[in-house]
Amino acid sequence: MRACINNQQIRHHNKCVILELLYRQKRANKSTLARLAQISIPAVSNILQELESEKRVVNIDDESQTRGHSSGTWLIAPEGDWTLCLNVTPPVLSVRLLMLV
């Protein structure tokens, strides 16, 4: 039997993936997030827009950009309600950043 997931569950999963990538990378642009998450740049744009409206991430203008059009660098908002979850199972330590809604 295969488990079925709907679009809302996929979107929630992708939001968590983007947040985890931002936590690990500290700063990233849309194309980097799309490549690492293996989802499209428009999907990343929509997720970042949603996270920004929830005040979970912030966009910083990238002034060092020398060519092309940059939409800036994204990072996790320094203020907010966050929970850091650790799962310690020898020999693995996994970390997940959760947003409280």
PDB file of N, CA and C in Angstrom:
ATOM      1  N   MET A   1       0.840  -1.179   0.000  1.00  0.00           N
ATOM      2  CA  MET A   1       0.000   0.000   0.000  1.00  0.00           C
ATOM      3  C   MET A   1       0.887   1.246   0.000  1.00  0.00           C
ATOM      4  N   ARG A   2       0.616   2.180  -0.898  1.00  0.00           N
ATOM      5  CA  ARG A   2       1.391   3.408  -0.976  1.00  0.00           C
ATOM      6  C   ARG A   2       0.706   4.504  -0.172  1.00  0.00           C
ATOM      7  N   ALA A   3       1.519   5.296   0.481  1.00  0.00           N
ATOM      8  CA  ALA A   3       0.978   6.429   1.225  1.00  0.00           C
ATOM      9  C   ALA A   3       0.676   7.561   0.247  1.00  0.00           C
ATOM     10  N   CYS A   4      -0.443   8.201   0.418  1.00  0.00           N
ATOM     11  CA  CYS A   4      -0.836   9.313  -0.438  1.00  0.00           C
ATOM     12  C   CYS A   4      -0.633  10.617   0.314  1.00  0.00           C
ATOM     13  N   ILE A   5      -0.046  11.575  -0.368  1.00  0.00           N
ATOM     14  CA  ILE A   5       0.104  12.894   0.231  1.00  0.00           C
ATOM     15  C   ILE A   5      -0.512  13.913  -0.713  1.00  0.00           C
ATOM     16  N   ASN A   6      -1.037  14.964  -0.135  1.00  0.00           N
ATOM     17  CA  ASN A   6      -1.685  15.983  -0.955  1.00  0.00           C
ATOM     18  C   ASN A   6      -0.762  17.191  -1.122  1.00  0.00           C
ATOM     19  N   ASN A   7      -1.196  18.151  -1.914  1.00  0.00           N
ATOM     20  CA  ASN A   7      -0.382  19.334  -2.205  1.00  0.00           C
ATOM     21  C   ASN A   7      -0.047  20.128  -0.952  1.00  0.00           C
ATOM     22  N   GLN A   8      -0.978  20.198  -0.017  1.00  0.00           N
ATOM     23  CA  GLN A   8      -0.741  20.940   1.218  1.00  0.00           C
ATOM     24  C   GLN A   8       0.388  20.298   2.024  1.00  0.00           C
ATOM     25  N   GLN A   9       0.421  18.982   2.072  1.00  0.00           N
ATOM     26  CA  GLN A   9       1.480  18.281   2.792  1.00  0.00           C
ATOM     27  C   GLN A   9       2.830  18.457   2.099  1.00  0.00           C
ATOM     28  N   ILE A  10       2.822  18.437   0.777  1.00  0.00           N
ATOM     29  CA  ILE A  10       4.060  18.659   0.025  1.00  0.00           C
ATOM     30  C   ILE A  10       4.575  20.068   0.270  1.00  0.00           C
ATOM     31  N   ARG A  11       3.677  21.042   0.245  1.00  0.00           N
ATOM     32  CA  ARG A  11       4.074  22.441   0.477  1.00  0.00           C
ATOM     33  C   ARG A  11       4.648  22.612   1.878  1.00  0.00           C
ATOM     34  N   HIS A  12       4.017  22.003   2.872  1.00  0.00           N
ATOM     35  CA  HIS A  12       4.525  22.084   4.245  1.00  0.00           C
ATOM     36  C   HIS A  12       5.917  21.450   4.328  1.00  0.00           C
ATOM     37  N   HIS A  13       6.081  20.304   3.687  1.00  0.00           N
ATOM     38  CA  HIS A  13       7.387  19.638   3.674  1.00  0.00           C
ATOM     39  C   HIS A  13       8.438  20.534   3.014  1.00  0.00           C
ATOM     40  N   ASN A  14       8.092  21.132   1.874  1.00  0.00           N
ATOM     41  CA  ASN A  14       9.034  22.004   1.175  1.00  0.00           C
ATOM     42  C   ASN A  14       9.390  23.235   2.005  1.00  0.00           C
ATOM     43  N   LYS A  15       8.424  23.780   2.746  1.00  0.00           N
ATOM     44  CA  LYS A  15       8.719  24.902   3.640  1.00  0.00           C
ATOM     45  C   LYS A  15       9.732  24.481   4.700  1.00  0.00           C
ATOM     46  N   CYS A  16       9.548  23.304   5.254  1.00  0.00           N
ATOM     47  CA  CYS A  16      10.484  22.798   6.261  1.00  0.00           C
ATOM     48  C   CYS A  16      11.869  22.586   5.664  1.00  0.00           C
ATOM     49  N   VAL A  17      11.911  22.082   4.437  1.00  0.00           N
ATOM     50  CA  VAL A  17      13.197  21.867   3.761  1.00  0.00           C
ATOM     51  C   VAL A  17      13.908  23.203   3.544  1.00  0.00           C
ATOM     52  N   ILE A  18      13.181  24.210   3.077  1.00  0.00           N
ATOM     53  CA  ILE A  18      13.774  25.534   2.847  1.00  0.00           C
ATOM     54  C   ILE A  18      14.291  26.119   4.157  1.00  0.00           C
ATOM     55  N   LEU A  19      13.509  26.016   5.227  1.00  0.00           N
ATOM     56  CA  LEU A  19      13.959  26.526   6.524  1.00  0.00           C
ATOM     57  C   LEU A  19      15.201  25.785   7.012  1.00  0.00           C
ATOM     58  N   GLU A  20      15.218  24.483   6.843  1.00  0.00           N
ATOM     59  CA  GLU A  20      16.383  23.708   7.271  1.00  0.00           C
ATOM     60  C   GLU A  20      17.619  24.088   6.455  1.00  0.00           C
ATOM     61  N   LEU A  21      17.448  24.290   5.159  1.00  0.00           N
ATOM     62  CA  LEU A  21      18.571  24.710   4.326  1.00  0.00           C
ATOM     63  C   LEU A  21      19.085  26.088   4.738  1.00  0.00           C
ATOM     64  N   LEU A  22      18.168  27.008   5.012  1.00  0.00           N
ATOM     65  CA  LEU A  22      18.592  28.337   5.463  1.00  0.00           C
ATOM     66  C   LEU A  22      19.305  28.256   6.807  1.00  0.00           C
ATOM     67  N   TYR A  23      18.849  27.377   7.674  1.00  0.00           N
ATOM     68  CA  TYR A  23      19.510  27.194   8.965  1.00  0.00           C
ATOM     69  C   TYR A  23      20.937  26.682   8.758  1.00  0.00           C
ATOM     70  N   ARG A  24      21.100  25.739   7.864  1.00  0.00           N
ATOM     71  CA  ARG A  24      22.425  25.150   7.621  1.00  0.00           C
ATOM     72  C   ARG A  24      23.339  26.090   6.831  1.00  0.00           C
ATOM     73  N   GLN A  25      22.792  26.782   5.840  1.00  0.00           N
ATOM     74  CA  GLN A  25      23.595  27.646   4.969  1.00  0.00           C
ATOM     75  C   GLN A  25      23.829  29.034   5.564  1.00  0.00           C
ATOM     76  N   LYS A  26      23.018  29.427   6.522  1.00  0.00           N
ATOM     77  CA  LYS A  26      23.009  30.763   7.135  1.00  0.00           C
ATOM     78  C   LYS A  26      22.432  31.820   6.189  1.00  0.00           C
ATOM     79  N   ARG A  27      22.894  31.876   4.949  1.00  0.00           N
ATOM     80  CA  ARG A  27      22.384  32.797   3.926  1.00  0.00           C
ATOM     81  C   ARG A  27      22.374  32.069   2.596  1.00  0.00           C
ATOM     82  N   ALA A  28      21.373  32.334   1.793  1.00  0.00           N
ATOM     83  CA  ALA A  28      21.331  31.701   0.469  1.00  0.00           C
ATOM     84  C   ALA A  28      20.411  32.495  -0.445  1.00  0.00           C
ATOM     85  N   ASN A  29      20.687  32.423  -1.739  1.00  0.00           N
ATOM     86  CA  ASN A  29      19.787  33.045  -2.700  1.00  0.00           C
ATOM     87  C   ASN A  29      18.800  31.993  -3.209  1.00  0.00           C
ATOM     88  N   LYS A  30      17.840  32.439  -3.992  1.00  0.00           N
ATOM     89  CA  LYS A  30      16.776  31.535  -4.450  1.00  0.00           C
ATOM     90  C   LYS A  30      17.317  30.379  -5.282  1.00  0.00           C
ATOM     91  N   SER A  31      18.253  30.671  -6.162  1.00  0.00           N
ATOM     92  CA  SER A  31      18.751  29.604  -7.037  1.00  0.00           C
ATOM     93  C   SER A  31      19.509  28.544  -6.249  1.00  0.00           C
ATOM     94  N   THR A  32      20.250  28.952  -5.232  1.00  0.00           N
ATOM     95  CA  THR A  32      20.953  27.985  -4.385  1.00  0.00           C
ATOM     96  C   THR A  32      19.958  27.124  -3.627  1.00  0.00           C
ATOM     97  N   LEU A  33      18.926  27.758  -3.065  1.00  0.00           N
ATOM     98  CA  LEU A  33      17.908  26.998  -2.335  1.00  0.00           C
ATOM     99  C   LEU A  33      17.184  26.023  -3.260  1.00  0.00           C
ATOM    100  N   ALA A  34      16.874  26.471  -4.471  1.00  0.00           N
ATOM    101  CA  ALA A  34      16.183  25.601  -5.426  1.00  0.00           C
ATOM    102  C   ALA A  34      17.052  24.399  -5.793  1.00  0.00           C
ATOM    103  N   ARG A  35      18.335  24.648  -6.012  1.00  0.00           N
ATOM    104  CA  ARG A  35      19.240  23.554  -6.372  1.00  0.00           C
ATOM    105  C   ARG A  35      19.381  22.559  -5.230  1.00  0.00           C
ATOM    106  N   LEU A  36      19.576  23.057  -4.003  1.00  0.00           N
ATOM    107  CA  LEU A  36      19.758  22.170  -2.856  1.00  0.00           C
ATOM    108  C   LEU A  36      18.477  21.418  -2.489  1.00  0.00           C
ATOM    109  N   ALA A  37      17.333  22.095  -2.618  1.00  0.00           N
ATOM    110  CA  ALA A  37      16.053  21.464  -2.270  1.00  0.00           C
ATOM    111  C   ALA A  37      15.505  20.616  -3.416  1.00  0.00           C
ATOM    112  N   GLN A  38      16.083  20.780  -4.592  1.00  0.00           N
ATOM    113  CA  GLN A  38      15.642  20.077  -5.795  1.00  0.00           C
ATOM    114  C   GLN A  38      14.183  20.383  -6.137  1.00  0.00           C
ATOM    115  N   ILE A  39      13.844  21.675  -6.022  1.00  0.00           N
ATOM    116  CA  ILE A  39      12.536  22.160  -6.452  1.00  0.00           C
ATOM    117  C   ILE A  39      12.758  23.384  -7.329  1.00  0.00           C
ATOM    118  N   SER A  40      11.747  23.814  -8.044  1.00  0.00           N
ATOM    119  CA  SER A  40      11.902  24.908  -9.003  1.00  0.00           C
ATOM    120  C   SER A  40      12.096  26.251  -8.302  1.00  0.00           C
ATOM    121  N   ILE A  41      12.733  27.185  -9.023  1.00  0.00           N
ATOM    122  CA  ILE A  41      12.933  28.532  -8.486  1.00  0.00           C
ATOM    123  C   ILE A  41      11.590  29.221  -8.225  1.00  0.00           C
ATOM    124  N   PRO A  42      10.580  29.121  -9.130  1.00  0.00           N
ATOM    125  CA  PRO A  42       9.281  29.721  -8.808  1.00  0.00           C
ATOM    126  C   PRO A  42       8.653  29.144  -7.536  1.00  0.00           C
ATOM    127  N   ALA A  43       8.820  27.841  -7.305  1.00  0.00           N
ATOM    128  CA  ALA A  43       8.289  27.239  -6.073  1.00  0.00           C
ATOM    129  C   ALA A  43       9.012  27.804  -4.859  1.00  0.00           C
ATOM    130  N   VAL A  44      10.334  27.955  -4.960  1.00  0.00           N
ATOM    131  CA  VAL A  44      11.114  28.541  -3.863  1.00  0.00           C
ATOM    132  C   VAL A  44      10.671  29.980  -3.629  1.00  0.00           C
ATOM    133  N   SER A  45      10.446  30.734  -4.703  1.00  0.00           N
ATOM    134  CA  SER A  45       9.984  32.121  -4.575  1.00  0.00           C
ATOM    135  C   SER A  45       8.667  32.196  -3.819  1.00  0.00           C
ATOM    136  N   ASN A  46       7.736  31.329  -4.167  1.00  0.00           N
ATOM    137  CA  ASN A  46       6.437  31.316  -3.480  1.00  0.00           C
ATOM    138  C   ASN A  46       6.586  30.949  -2.009  1.00  0.00           C
ATOM    139  N   ILE A  47       7.421  29.958  -1.726  1.00  0.00           N
ATOM    140  CA  ILE A  47       7.630  29.536  -0.339  1.00  0.00           C
ATOM    141  C   ILE A  47       8.288  30.654   0.458  1.00  0.00           C
ATOM    142  N   LEU A  48       9.305  31.303  -0.119  1.00  0.00           N
ATOM    143  CA  LEU A  48       9.981  32.395   0.583  1.00  0.00           C
ATOM    144  C   LEU A  48       9.038  33.571   0.819  1.00  0.00           C
ATOM    145  N   GLN A  49       8.187  33.855  -0.152  1.00  0.00           N
ATOM    146  CA  GLN A  49       7.210  34.933   0.011  1.00  0.00           C
ATOM    147  C   GLN A  49       6.259  34.615   1.173  1.00  0.00           C
ATOM    148  N   GLU A  50       5.823  33.375   1.245  1.00  0.00           N
ATOM    149  CA  GLU A  50       4.938  32.952   2.330  1.00  0.00           C
ATOM    150  C   GLU A  50       5.657  33.016   3.678  1.00  0.00           C
ATOM    151  N   LEU A  51       6.896  32.541   3.721  1.00  0.00           N
ATOM    152  CA  LEU A  51       7.671  32.577   4.967  1.00  0.00           C
ATOM    153  C   LEU A  51       7.974  34.014   5.386  1.00  0.00           C
ATOM    154  N   GLU A  52       8.196  34.887   4.403  1.00  0.00           N
ATOM    155  CA  GLU A  52       8.445  36.294   4.716  1.00  0.00           C
ATOM    156  C   GLU A  52       7.191  36.946   5.298  1.00  0.00           C
ATOM    157  N   SER A  53       6.022  36.614   4.762  1.00  0.00           N
ATOM    158  CA  SER A  53       4.779  37.176   5.296  1.00  0.00           C
ATOM    159  C   SER A  53       4.506  36.675   6.716  1.00  0.00           C
ATOM    160  N   GLU A  54       5.029  35.480   7.032  1.00  0.00           N
ATOM    161  CA  GLU A  54       4.910  34.933   8.389  1.00  0.00           C
ATOM    162  C   GLU A  54       6.028  35.430   9.306  1.00  0.00           C
ATOM    163  N   LYS A  55       6.912  36.285   8.756  1.00  0.00           N
ATOM    164  CA  LYS A  55       8.056  36.838   9.483  1.00  0.00           C
ATOM    165  C   LYS A  55       9.025  35.753   9.952  1.00  0.00           C
ATOM    166  N   ARG A  56       9.157  34.696   9.145  1.00  0.00           N
ATOM    167  CA  ARG A  56      10.081  33.593   9.446  1.00  0.00           C
ATOM    168  C   ARG A  56      11.432  33.778   8.777  1.00  0.00           C
ATOM    169  N   VAL A  57      11.461  34.505   7.647  1.00  0.00           N
ATOM    170  CA  VAL A  57      12.704  34.770   6.933  1.00  0.00           C
ATOM    171  C   VAL A  57      12.752  36.245   6.550  1.00  0.00           C
ATOM    172  N   VAL A  58      13.955  36.729   6.267  1.00  0.00           N
ATOM    173  CA  VAL A  58      14.128  38.105   5.803  1.00  0.00           C
ATOM    174  C   VAL A  58      14.991  38.089   4.548  1.00  0.00           C
ATOM    175  N   ASN A  59      14.772  39.089   3.707  1.00  0.00           N
ATOM    176  CA  ASN A  59      15.522  39.240   2.469  1.00  0.00           C
ATOM    177  C   ASN A  59      16.468  40.419   2.625  1.00  0.00           C
ATOM    178  N   ILE A  60      17.741  40.185   2.342  1.00  0.00           N
ATOM    179  CA  ILE A  60      18.765  41.224   2.427  1.00  0.00           C
ATOM    180  C   ILE A  60      19.224  41.531   1.007  1.00  0.00           C
ATOM    181  N   ASP A  61      19.239  42.812   0.636  1.00  0.00           N
ATOM    182  CA  ASP A  61      19.729  43.186  -0.692  1.00  0.00           C
ATOM    183  C   ASP A  61      21.206  42.864  -0.799  1.00  0.00           C
ATOM    184  N   ASP A  62      21.582  42.248  -1.905  1.00  0.00           N
ATOM    185  CA  ASP A  62      22.968  41.862  -2.142  1.00  0.00           C
ATOM    186  C   ASP A  62      23.642  42.961  -2.955  1.00  0.00           C
ATOM    187  N   GLU A  63      24.372  43.853  -2.264  1.00  0.00           N
ATOM    188  CA  GLU A  63      24.996  44.988  -2.934  1.00  0.00           C
ATOM    189  C   GLU A  63      26.256  44.596  -3.695  1.00  0.00           C
ATOM    190  N   SER A  64      26.820  43.436  -3.400  1.00  0.00           N
ATOM    191  CA  SER A  64      28.052  43.017  -4.066  1.00  0.00           C
ATOM    192  C   SER A  64      27.785  42.364  -5.419  1.00  0.00           C
ATOM    193  N   GLN A  65      26.535  42.315  -5.829  1.00  0.00           N
ATOM    194  CA  GLN A  65      26.167  41.704  -7.109  1.00  0.00           C
ATOM    195  C   GLN A  65      26.755  42.534  -8.242  1.00  0.00           C
ATOM    196  N   THR A  66      27.542  41.913  -9.112  1.00  0.00           N
ATOM    197  CA  THR A  66      28.186  42.648 -10.193  1.00  0.00           C
ATOM    198  C   THR A  66      27.490  42.470 -11.530  1.00  0.00           C
ATOM    199  N   ARG A  67      26.755  41.391 -11.717  1.00  0.00           N
ATOM    200  CA  ARG A  67      26.056  41.191 -12.979  1.00  0.00           C
ATOM    201  C   ARG A  67      24.743  40.472 -12.734  1.00  0.00           C
ATOM    202  N   GLY A  68      23.854  40.603 -13.679  1.00  0.00           N
ATOM    203  CA  GLY A  68      22.558  39.950 -13.534  1.00  0.00           C
ATOM    204  C   GLY A  68      21.651  40.687 -12.569  1.00  0.00           C
ATOM    205  N   HIS A  69      20.501  40.115 -12.357  1.00  0.00           N
ATOM    206  CA  HIS A  69      19.523  40.699 -11.442  1.00  0.00           C
ATOM    207  C   HIS A  69      19.409  39.795 -10.227  1.00  0.00           C
ATOM    208  N   SER A  70      19.775  40.328  -9.090  1.00  0.00           N
ATOM    209  CA  SER A  70      19.709  39.534  -7.869  1.00  0.00           C
ATOM    210  C   SER A  70      18.462  39.904  -7.086  1.00  0.00           C
ATOM    211  N   SER A  71      17.804  38.903  -6.557  1.00  0.00           N
ATOM    212  CA  SER A  71      16.655  39.163  -5.690  1.00  0.00           C
ATOM    213  C   SER A  71      17.099  39.181  -4.237  1.00  0.00           C
ATOM    214  N   GLY A  72      18.402  39.221  -4.024  1.00  0.00           N
ATOM    215  CA  GLY A  72      18.927  39.318  -2.672  1.00  0.00           C
ATOM    216  C   GLY A  72      19.233  37.971  -2.053  1.00  0.00           C
ATOM    217  N   THR A  73      19.642  38.059  -0.813  1.00  0.00           N
ATOM    218  CA  THR A  73      20.003  36.883  -0.040  1.00  0.00           C
ATOM    219  C   THR A  73      18.966  36.692   1.052  1.00  0.00           C
ATOM    220  N   TRP A  74      18.617  35.457   1.299  1.00  0.00           N
ATOM    221  CA  TRP A  74      17.604  35.124   2.292  1.00  0.00           C
ATOM    222  C   TRP A  74      18.254  34.503   3.515  1.00  0.00           C
ATOM    223  N   LEU A  75      17.712  34.814   4.691  1.00  0.00           N
ATOM    224  CA  LEU A  75      18.165  34.198   5.923  1.00  0.00           C
ATOM    225  C   LEU A  75      17.013  34.092   6.902  1.00  0.00           C
ATOM    226  N   ILE A  76      17.191  33.252   7.897  1.00  0.00           N
ATOM    227  CA  ILE A  76      16.157  33.074   8.915  1.00  0.00           C
ATOM    228  C   ILE A  76      16.054  34.352   9.731  1.00  0.00           C
ATOM    229  N   ALA A  77      14.835  34.786   9.997  1.00  0.00           N
ATOM    230  CA  ALA A  77      14.605  35.994  10.779  1.00  0.00           C
ATOM    231  C   ALA A  77      15.247  35.840  12.155  1.00  0.00           C
ATOM    232  N   PRO A  78      16.003  36.854  12.580  1.00  0.00           N
ATOM    233  CA  PRO A  78      16.691  36.738  13.868  1.00  0.00           C
ATOM    234  C   PRO A  78      15.749  36.697  15.067  1.00  0.00           C
ATOM    235  N   GLU A  79      14.548  37.228  14.903  1.00  0.00           N
ATOM    236  CA  GLU A  79      13.585  37.211  16.000  1.00  0.00           C
ATOM    237  C   GLU A  79      12.378  36.384  15.582  1.00  0.00           C
ATOM    238  N   GLY A  80      11.835  35.658  16.520  1.00  0.00           N
ATOM    239  CA  GLY A  80      10.663  34.851  16.205  1.00  0.00           C
ATOM    240  C   GLY A  80      10.537  33.691  17.160  1.00  0.00           C
ATOM    241  N   ASP A  81       9.466  32.961  17.014  1.00  0.00           N
ATOM    242  CA  ASP A  81       9.211  31.793  17.855  1.00  0.00           C
ATOM    243  C   ASP A  81       9.738  30.555  17.151  1.00  0.00           C
ATOM    244  N   TRP A  82      10.870  30.042  17.623  1.00  0.00           N
ATOM    245  CA  TRP A  82      11.511  28.891  17.007  1.00  0.00           C
ATOM    246  C   TRP A  82      11.757  27.823  18.048  1.00  0.00           C
ATOM    247  N   THR A  83      11.777  26.606  17.604  1.00  0.00           N
ATOM    248  CA  THR A  83      12.125  25.473  18.453  1.00  0.00           C
ATOM    249  C   THR A  83      13.182  24.665  17.726  1.00  0.00           C
ATOM    250  N   LEU A  84      14.258  24.367  18.411  1.00  0.00           N
ATOM    251  CA  LEU A  84      15.310  23.538  17.842  1.00  0.00           C
ATOM    252  C   LEU A  84      15.165  22.143  18.422  1.00  0.00           C
ATOM    253  N   CYS A  85      14.929  21.162  17.561  1.00  0.00           N
ATOM    254  CA  CYS A  85      14.730  19.782  18.001  1.00  0.00           C
ATOM    255  C   CYS A  85      15.975  18.969  17.690  1.00  0.00           C
ATOM    256  N   LEU A  86      16.442  18.227  18.670  1.00  0.00           N
ATOM    257  CA  LEU A  86      17.600  17.357  18.501  1.00  0.00           C
ATOM    258  C   LEU A  86      17.171  15.919  18.694  1.00  0.00           C
ATOM    259  N   ASN A  87      17.665  15.064  17.837  1.00  0.00           N
ATOM    260  CA  ASN A  87      17.417  13.637  17.962  1.00  0.00           C
ATOM    261  C   ASN A  87      18.776  12.958  18.071  1.00  0.00           C
ATOM    262  N   VAL A  88      19.093  12.473  19.257  1.00  0.00           N
ATOM    263  CA  VAL A  88      20.387  11.840  19.488  1.00  0.00           C
ATOM    264  C   VAL A  88      20.197  10.332  19.493  1.00  0.00           C
ATOM    265  N   THR A  89      20.689   9.696  18.456  1.00  0.00           N
ATOM    266  CA  THR A  89      20.655   8.246  18.335  1.00  0.00           C
ATOM    267  C   THR A  89      22.051   7.814  17.892  1.00  0.00           C
ATOM    268  N   PRO A  90      22.816   7.229  18.794  1.00  0.00           N
ATOM    269  CA  PRO A  90      24.198   6.894  18.420  1.00  0.00           C
ATOM    270  C   PRO A  90      24.220   6.094  17.134  1.00  0.00           C
ATOM    271  N   PRO A  91      25.063   6.386  16.209  1.00  0.00           N
ATOM    272  CA  PRO A  91      26.061   7.453  16.185  1.00  0.00           C
ATOM    273  C   PRO A  91      25.593   8.692  15.417  1.00  0.00           C
ATOM    274  N   VAL A  92      24.308   8.957  15.381  1.00  0.00           N
ATOM    275  CA  VAL A  92      23.774  10.048  14.568  1.00  0.00           C
ATOM    276  C   VAL A  92      23.141  11.112  15.452  1.00  0.00           C
ATOM    277  N   LEU A  93      23.393  12.369  15.099  1.00  0.00           N
ATOM    278  CA  LEU A  93      22.723  13.497  15.737  1.00  0.00           C
ATOM    279  C   LEU A  93      22.016  14.261  14.625  1.00  0.00           C
ATOM    280  N   SER A  94      20.705  14.304  14.672  1.00  0.00           N
ATOM    281  CA  SER A  94      19.974  15.054  13.652  1.00  0.00           C
ATOM    282  C   SER A  94      19.322  16.266  14.297  1.00  0.00           C
ATOM    283  N   VAL A  95      19.298  17.346  13.535  1.00  0.00           N
ATOM    284  CA  VAL A  95      18.787  18.622  14.030  1.00  0.00           C
ATOM    285  C   VAL A  95      17.695  19.088  13.085  1.00  0.00           C
ATOM    286  N   ARG A  96      16.641  19.627  13.648  1.00  0.00           N
ATOM    287  CA  ARG A  96      15.568  20.184  12.831  1.00  0.00           C
ATOM    288  C   ARG A  96      15.078  21.457  13.504  1.00  0.00           C
ATOM    289  N   LEU A  97      14.923  22.491  12.709  1.00  0.00           N
ATOM    290  CA  LEU A  97      14.407  23.761  13.172  1.00  0.00           C
ATOM    291  C   LEU A  97      12.919  23.794  12.871  1.00  0.00           C
ATOM    292  N   LEU A  98      12.101  23.995  13.879  1.00  0.00           N
ATOM    293  CA  LEU A  98      10.651  23.986  13.699  1.00  0.00           C
ATOM    294  C   LEU A  98      10.094  25.369  13.943  1.00  0.00           C
ATOM    295  N   MET A  99       9.096  25.718  13.166  1.00  0.00           N
ATOM    296  CA  MET A  99       8.422  26.987  13.392  1.00  0.00           C
ATOM    297  C   MET A  99       7.155  26.737  14.195  1.00  0.00           C
ATOM    298  N   LEU A 100       6.931  27.592  15.148  1.00  0.00           N
ATOM    299  CA  LEU A 100       5.718  27.491  15.953  1.00  0.00           C
ATOM    300  C   LEU A 100       4.653  28.336  15.295  1.00  0.00           C
ATOM    301  N   VAL A 101       3.511  27.752  15.083  1.00  0.00           N
ATOM    302  CA  VAL A 101       2.428  28.470  14.407  1.00  0.00           C
ATOM    303  C   VAL A 101       1.315  28.712  15.388  1.00  0.00           C
TER     304      VAL A 101
END
